[in-house]
Each structure stands twice: as structure tokens, then as C-alpha cells.
Protein backbone atom coordinates (compact mmCIF):
# COMPACT_ATOMS: atom_id res chain seq x y z
CA MET A 1 -1.12 29.18 1.40
CA ASP A 2 -2.04 28.19 -2.16
CA THR A 3 0.04 25.14 -3.07
CA ARG A 4 -2.21 23.82 -5.83
CA LYS A 5 0.43 24.54 -8.48
CA TYR A 6 2.88 22.35 -6.58
CA GLU A 7 0.27 19.61 -6.17
CA VAL A 8 -0.30 19.65 -9.93
CA ILE A 9 3.44 19.27 -10.53
CA ILE A 10 3.57 16.34 -8.09
CA LYS A 11 0.66 14.62 -9.85
CA ALA A 12 2.22 15.23 -13.29
CA ALA A 13 5.48 13.70 -12.06
CA GLU A 14 3.61 10.64 -10.76
CA CYS A 15 1.55 9.93 -13.88
CA GLY A 16 3.84 11.41 -16.56
CA ASN A 17 0.89 12.98 -18.34
CA LEU A 18 -0.35 16.58 -18.14
CA THR A 19 -3.90 15.74 -19.22
CA LYS A 20 -4.32 13.11 -16.50
CA ALA A 21 -2.74 15.42 -13.93
CA GLY A 22 -5.18 18.17 -14.90
CA GLU A 23 -8.19 15.85 -14.69
CA SER A 24 -7.35 15.14 -11.04
CA PHE A 25 -7.86 18.83 -10.24
CA GLY A 26 -10.39 19.88 -12.88
CA TYR A 27 -7.88 21.68 -15.12
CA THR A 28 -7.37 21.45 -18.87
CA GLN A 29 -4.01 20.43 -20.29
CA SER A 30 -3.35 24.00 -21.38
CA GLY A 31 -4.16 25.20 -17.87
CA VAL A 32 -1.68 22.73 -16.40
CA SER A 33 0.98 23.73 -18.93
CA HIS A 34 0.48 27.40 -18.05
CA MET A 35 0.72 26.62 -14.34
CA ILE A 36 3.94 24.61 -14.76
CA LYS A 37 5.46 27.28 -16.99
CA GLY A 38 4.81 29.86 -14.29
CA VAL A 39 6.61 27.77 -11.67
CA GLU A 40 9.51 27.12 -14.06
CA GLU A 41 9.86 30.86 -14.65
CA GLU A 42 9.70 31.49 -10.91
CA PHE A 43 12.39 28.87 -10.20
CA GLY A 44 14.57 29.79 -13.17
CA PHE A 45 14.86 26.29 -14.66
CA ARG A 46 12.76 23.65 -16.38
CA ILE A 47 11.02 21.09 -14.21
CA PHE A 48 9.77 18.78 -16.96
CA MET A 49 11.01 17.45 -20.26
CA ARG A 50 8.23 17.10 -22.84
CA GLY A 51 8.15 14.13 -25.20
CA ARG A 52 5.78 12.18 -27.42
CA ASP A 53 4.98 9.81 -24.57
CA GLY A 54 4.31 12.51 -21.98
CA VAL A 55 6.48 14.36 -19.51
CA SER A 56 9.35 13.37 -17.24
CA LEU A 57 11.27 15.27 -14.61
CA THR A 58 14.51 17.02 -15.45
CA THR A 59 17.46 16.57 -13.10
CA GLU A 60 16.51 19.88 -11.49
CA GLY A 61 12.91 18.75 -11.23
CA GLU A 62 13.94 15.58 -9.42
CA ARG A 63 15.91 17.68 -6.93
CA VAL A 64 13.02 19.98 -6.02
CA LEU A 65 10.20 17.37 -6.06
CA PRO A 66 10.81 16.16 -2.46
CA PHE A 67 10.56 19.76 -1.24
CA LEU A 68 7.32 20.30 -3.17
CA ARG A 69 5.91 17.16 -1.53
CA GLU A 70 6.83 18.49 1.91
CA ILE A 71 5.25 21.88 1.20
CA ALA A 72 2.04 20.22 0.00
CA LYS A 73 2.01 17.84 2.97
CA TRP A 74 2.44 20.56 5.59
CA ASN A 75 -0.06 22.82 3.85
CA GLU A 76 -2.62 20.01 4.04
CA SER A 77 -1.85 19.49 7.73
CA LEU A 78 -2.10 23.24 8.37
CA GLY A 79 -5.50 23.38 6.69
CA GLN A 80 -6.75 20.40 8.69
CA THR A 81 -5.46 21.87 11.96
CA VAL A 82 -7.11 25.23 11.31
CA SER A 83 -10.36 23.43 10.48
CA ALA A 84 -10.10 21.33 13.65
CA ILE A 85 -9.57 24.44 15.79
CA ASN A 86 -12.73 25.88 14.25
CA GLY A 87 -14.66 22.70 14.99
CA LEU A 88 -14.49 21.30 11.45
CA ILE A 89 -12.53 18.37 10.02
CA CYS A 90 -11.89 18.32 6.29
CA GLY A 91 -9.10 17.65 3.83
CA THR A 92 -7.59 14.62 2.13
CA LEU A 93 -6.32 11.43 3.74
CA ARG A 94 -3.93 9.38 1.58
CA ILE A 95 -3.82 5.70 2.53
CA GLY A 96 -1.41 3.06 1.26
CA SER A 97 -2.43 -0.59 1.44
CA PHE A 98 -1.94 -4.16 0.32
CA THR A 99 -4.74 -5.18 -2.05
CA SER A 100 -5.99 -7.80 0.43
CA ILE A 101 -6.46 -5.16 3.13
CA ALA A 102 -8.04 -2.74 0.65
CA ILE A 103 -10.58 -5.48 -0.12
CA HIS A 104 -11.30 -6.94 3.32
CA TRP A 105 -10.75 -4.08 5.80
CA LEU A 106 -10.84 -0.65 4.25
CA PRO A 107 -14.41 -0.54 2.84
CA LYS A 108 -15.96 -1.14 6.28
CA ILE A 109 -13.55 1.14 8.13
CA ILE A 110 -13.90 3.97 5.62
CA ARG A 111 -17.70 3.67 5.50
CA ARG A 112 -17.89 4.09 9.28
CA PHE A 113 -15.25 6.84 9.31
CA GLN A 114 -17.07 8.85 6.64
CA GLN A 115 -20.32 8.73 8.58
CA ASP A 116 -18.62 11.03 11.10
CA TYR A 117 -16.21 12.83 8.75
CA PRO A 118 -17.91 13.16 5.35
CA ASN A 119 -15.71 16.12 4.37
CA ILE A 120 -12.48 14.11 4.45
CA ASN A 121 -11.64 12.77 1.01
CA ILE A 122 -9.90 9.38 0.88
CA ASP A 123 -7.21 8.52 -1.67
CA ILE A 124 -6.08 4.85 -1.66
CA THR A 125 -2.79 3.66 -3.16
CA GLU A 126 -2.33 -0.11 -3.50
CA GLY A 127 1.02 -1.82 -3.95
CA GLY A 128 3.64 -4.23 -2.70
CA ILE A 129 6.10 -3.73 0.13
CA SER A 130 8.68 -1.72 -1.83
CA ALA A 131 6.11 0.66 -3.34
CA LEU A 132 4.35 1.23 -0.02
CA GLU A 133 7.59 1.90 1.84
CA GLU A 134 8.71 4.32 -0.87
CA ALA A 135 5.35 6.11 -0.84
CA LEU A 136 5.56 6.53 2.93
CA GLU A 137 9.16 7.75 2.82
CA GLU A 138 8.55 10.31 0.07
CA GLY A 139 5.27 11.51 1.59
CA SER A 140 2.89 10.53 -1.21
CA VAL A 141 0.76 8.68 1.38
CA ASP A 142 0.03 9.75 4.96
CA LEU A 143 -0.11 6.24 6.40
CA THR A 144 -0.07 2.70 5.08
CA PHE A 145 -1.22 -0.79 5.98
CA MET A 146 1.59 -3.29 5.40
CA SER A 147 3.58 -6.08 7.00
CA VAL A 148 6.29 -5.04 9.42
CA GLN A 149 9.74 -5.13 7.83
CA PRO A 150 12.97 -5.44 9.84
CA GLY A 151 15.16 -2.39 10.02
CA ARG A 152 12.45 0.15 9.18
CA SER A 153 12.00 3.18 11.43
CA PHE A 154 8.32 3.94 10.79
CA ASP A 155 5.99 4.41 13.74
CA ARG A 156 3.53 1.55 13.71
CA LEU A 157 0.41 0.12 15.27
CA ILE A 158 0.40 -3.70 15.14
CA LEU A 159 -3.07 -4.90 14.12
CA LYS A 160 -2.91 -8.62 13.38
CA LYS A 161 -0.61 -11.61 13.41
CA ASP A 162 -1.36 -13.00 9.97
CA PRO A 163 -0.43 -16.70 9.62
CA PHE A 164 1.12 -18.06 6.44
CA LEU A 165 -0.63 -21.02 4.84
CA ALA A 166 0.43 -23.76 2.47
CA ILE A 167 -1.57 -23.39 -0.76
CA LEU A 168 -2.09 -26.71 -2.55
CA PRO A 169 -3.94 -27.86 -5.67
CA LYS A 170 -6.89 -30.16 -5.11
CA GLY A 171 -5.83 -33.78 -5.04
CA HIS A 172 -2.45 -33.05 -3.45
CA PRO A 173 -1.20 -36.06 -1.41
CA LEU A 174 -1.10 -33.99 1.80
CA GLU A 175 -4.41 -32.15 1.40
CA ARG A 176 -6.10 -34.10 4.22
CA GLU A 177 -3.33 -33.51 6.75
CA LYS A 178 -3.83 -31.12 9.66
CA SER A 179 -0.71 -29.12 8.79
CA PHE A 180 1.98 -28.88 6.11
CA PRO A 181 5.62 -29.32 7.19
CA LEU A 182 7.87 -26.63 5.79
CA GLU A 183 10.47 -29.20 4.72
CA ALA A 184 7.86 -30.70 2.36
CA PHE A 185 8.40 -27.66 0.11
CA ASN A 186 11.98 -28.74 -0.59
CA GLY A 187 12.47 -29.68 -4.23
CA VAL A 188 8.81 -29.32 -5.27
CA ASP A 189 7.46 -26.98 -7.97
CA PHE A 190 6.71 -23.65 -6.29
CA ILE A 191 5.08 -20.37 -7.36
CA LEU A 192 6.65 -17.38 -5.61
CA VAL A 193 5.46 -13.81 -5.17
CA THR A 194 8.13 -11.52 -6.66
CA ARG A 195 10.60 -9.79 -4.34
CA GLY A 196 9.66 -6.17 -3.90
CA PHE A 197 5.99 -7.12 -3.62
CA ASP A 198 6.55 -9.70 -0.89
CA TYR A 199 9.73 -9.95 1.15
CA ASP A 200 7.99 -12.01 3.85
CA THR A 201 7.81 -15.33 1.98
CA ASN A 202 11.37 -14.96 0.70
CA ARG A 203 12.55 -14.30 4.25
CA LEU A 204 10.60 -17.33 5.53
CA LEU A 205 12.21 -19.68 2.99
CA LYS A 206 15.66 -18.36 3.82
CA LYS A 207 15.17 -18.56 7.60
CA TYR A 208 14.16 -22.22 7.49
CA ALA A 209 16.61 -23.13 4.68
CA ILE A 210 13.80 -24.27 2.39
CA THR A 211 14.79 -24.69 -1.28
CA PRO A 212 11.76 -25.36 -3.48
CA ASN A 213 11.96 -25.57 -7.26
CA ILE A 214 10.73 -22.08 -8.15
CA LYS A 215 8.92 -22.60 -11.46
CA PHE A 216 7.05 -19.31 -11.73
CA THR A 217 7.06 -15.87 -10.10
CA SER A 218 4.39 -13.20 -10.12
CA HIS A 219 3.87 -9.88 -8.34
CA ASP A 220 0.17 -10.65 -7.87
CA ASP A 221 -1.15 -12.90 -5.08
CA HIS A 222 -4.22 -13.77 -7.10
CA THR A 223 -2.14 -14.93 -10.07
CA VAL A 224 -0.09 -17.13 -7.75
CA PHE A 225 -3.26 -18.72 -6.38
CA SER A 226 -4.66 -19.31 -9.88
CA MET A 227 -1.45 -21.08 -10.92
CA VAL A 228 -1.68 -23.34 -7.86
CA GLU A 229 -5.36 -23.97 -8.53
CA ASN A 230 -4.44 -25.16 -12.03
CA GLY A 231 -1.86 -27.62 -10.76
CA LEU A 232 1.30 -25.74 -11.72
CA GLY A 233 2.83 -26.03 -8.26
CA VAL A 234 2.33 -25.12 -4.61
CA SER A 235 2.86 -21.87 -2.75
CA ILE A 236 2.77 -20.02 0.55
CA LEU A 237 0.37 -17.11 1.02
CA PRO A 238 -0.95 -15.19 4.06
CA GLU A 239 -4.34 -16.03 5.55
CA LEU A 240 -5.66 -12.51 4.83
CA VAL A 241 -5.03 -12.97 1.10
CA MET A 242 -6.77 -16.34 1.09
CA GLN A 243 -10.04 -14.98 2.49
CA SER A 244 -11.10 -14.33 -1.10
CA TYR A 245 -10.62 -18.00 -2.05
CA LYS A 246 -11.97 -19.99 0.90
CA GLU A 247 -14.30 -22.08 -1.24
CA ARG A 248 -11.80 -22.73 -4.05
CA SER A 249 -8.62 -23.61 -2.24
CA VAL A 250 -6.81 -26.26 -0.26
CA THR A 251 -4.98 -24.48 2.55
CA LEU A 252 -3.10 -25.92 5.50
CA PRO A 253 -1.36 -24.27 8.44
CA LEU A 254 2.42 -24.47 8.26
CA GLU A 255 4.44 -26.59 10.66
CA PRO A 256 6.02 -24.81 12.43
CA GLU A 257 3.56 -21.93 12.44
CA VAL A 258 4.89 -18.76 10.79
CA TYR A 259 3.29 -15.30 10.91
CA ARG A 260 3.70 -11.82 9.51
CA ASP A 261 2.72 -8.77 11.58
CA ILE A 262 0.22 -6.50 9.82
CA ALA A 263 0.55 -2.91 10.99
CA LEU A 264 -0.64 0.59 10.29
CA CYS A 265 2.58 2.53 9.65
CA LEU A 266 3.31 6.24 9.35
CA PRO A 267 6.43 8.42 9.62
CA SER A 268 5.48 9.82 13.03
CA PHE A 269 2.42 9.54 15.28
CA ALA A 270 3.40 12.86 16.88
CA GLU A 271 3.36 14.69 13.53
CA ALA A 272 0.28 12.99 12.07
CA SER A 273 -2.36 15.28 10.57
CA PRO A 274 -5.72 15.68 12.35
CA ALA A 275 -7.40 13.49 9.72
CA SER A 276 -4.75 10.78 10.16
CA ARG A 277 -5.09 10.82 13.94
CA ARG A 278 -8.85 10.42 13.78
CA PHE A 279 -8.61 7.63 11.21
CA ILE A 280 -6.10 5.78 13.41
CA GLU A 281 -8.60 5.86 16.29
CA TYR A 282 -11.21 4.18 14.09
CA VAL A 283 -8.72 1.53 13.00
CA LYS A 284 -7.85 0.79 16.65
CA LYS A 285 -11.51 0.34 17.54
CA MET A 286 -12.59 -1.63 14.46
CA VAL A 287 -9.79 -4.11 13.65
CA ALA A 288 -10.02 -7.09 16.02
CA PRO A 289 -6.90 -9.17 16.81
CA ASP A 290 -8.19 -11.99 14.59
CA GLY A 291 -8.47 -9.60 11.63
CA SER A 292 -12.25 -9.31 11.70
CA ILE A 293 -13.85 -5.86 11.54
CA ARG A 294 -15.99 -4.81 14.50
CA GLY A 295 -18.86 -2.37 14.35
CA ILE A 296 -18.67 0.77 16.50
């Protein structure tokens, strides 16, 4: 089944630009326009509104987009299954991830995976919790690395218990202590990762009834660290994030210890594509419980 025209529409909806959508598939803007026009004529209504700033979905386009995603998803799975039956594995694997995991885990896992499956293309989408959950729900990624959120029904493989750390500027009165009591955050200047990118820290503060003086918020972990480094306040960040700043930071375990569970999540293990199933096996073998990456 040729679903390329639907894939082009999906890409155009995501980036809001026909030229960029065409570049992803090797088409010119006029070629993309012709393709979309053909689908619109077939459906009997317009899918996109054109404007000076690009394109956006019409109401009708928004209604059919989830179905186009499903068609493209199952067509990809069909192609991979047929290839697997014939002794070949090829296709595209779309992975969602926190930036910290994309930096510290994925390069080594993907390098080893591609030694055995060079014909599987990898597409990585980075984002916060809300964006990754949405991408998984709408089918724009096949699987995603993220922290486990309560009330979500995704299938998941728990990979690491990732401890939260107190992040302090150098010279802080408690920097030489063995741990940082959570109650010491009460009333002090605090830099918080924005809700939607990180629900874990917000949930931690609420659970332990901690009320810091939130001076700044940012959606980026690295910006939060930089603000702490420059003496603008303190913060709480996961150990995995802080691996990039070991030599530049003052970090202390929290008292009591608090963790987030890092997992590989997908809608259904049973319905995973052949490429997804093989990638999951590599993740199982390579990610150690302490978060280090093992060779296989």
C-alpha cells in the first residue's frame, strides 16, 4: 500500500510548512502541493488552510489526521512484518526521549543496534513529559523513554530508578553535608522546571509539602542548572540529567531519598512493530540497573 501521500500530509501538519515537509521526502513544494490537492479532491474537502506563515489544518483536516496516522503506522508495521518473514528487517523506528537519555543512552544503544540492523532508519523526537505522552498517544512515535506517570495506561519496561538530587551553587552553607533535607528547601529561592516538561519535581514538592520561593521557571534542565550555578537559587534535578555537569556542580542526595522510574513506554508490547520489538531487546540487554550502558 502506498501511503506516502498521507505521510506527507502528516509531516506538513507537524511542521506547518510545505517546503520543509517536502524536504523530508525529497519532494519540491509544488510536488507536495499537487499531492495534497489530489487527496483533498479524493476526500471532497480541504485539509489545509494556506497563509503567509505556512499551512494549518482545517477543522476537517484535524478530524482525519488521526486516521491518516493510523494508516501510516500500520502500513509501516505491515512492511516490516513482510520484510521479517522474508528474512530482512528494514523500515523506520520513531523514538521519543528526554534530552538527557538522548545524550547519555541512545547513541551507544543505536550504534550497537545499527550494526545488526543497518536498514532501519531512526527518527528521534525529544521533549518533556506532556509532549512525549502526546506523541505516543497520537502515534507520531513508536516508543518513548520517559519517567513513569501515575494514571497512564502505556505498556512499559522499567529501566532505572533515577534519584533526585539537590542542586546547589558553590559556597552554599550545606554543600559539605552528606545529604540535603527536603525541608531545607522551604522558603529559599528555587528554580523550577516548568510543568508539562517535568511533573515529577512538582509532584515531589507537593507530596512532602515543601514550599520554596519559586523565583524562576524554565522548560530546560540545562537552563535551570546554569541559573543555580550563577547563584540565583537552588533546585532539584534527576541524577541522569546531572551526568553532564559532574565537574561543575554541587549535588547532594535528598533526605529522604526520592526517585523517578525511567521506563521505555509504548502503546502495546503485543502490537509493537518488528523493528520496535528488536530495539526493545537491545535496550533490555544494554541498560544496566544503575543507568550505565553495557556492551553486548
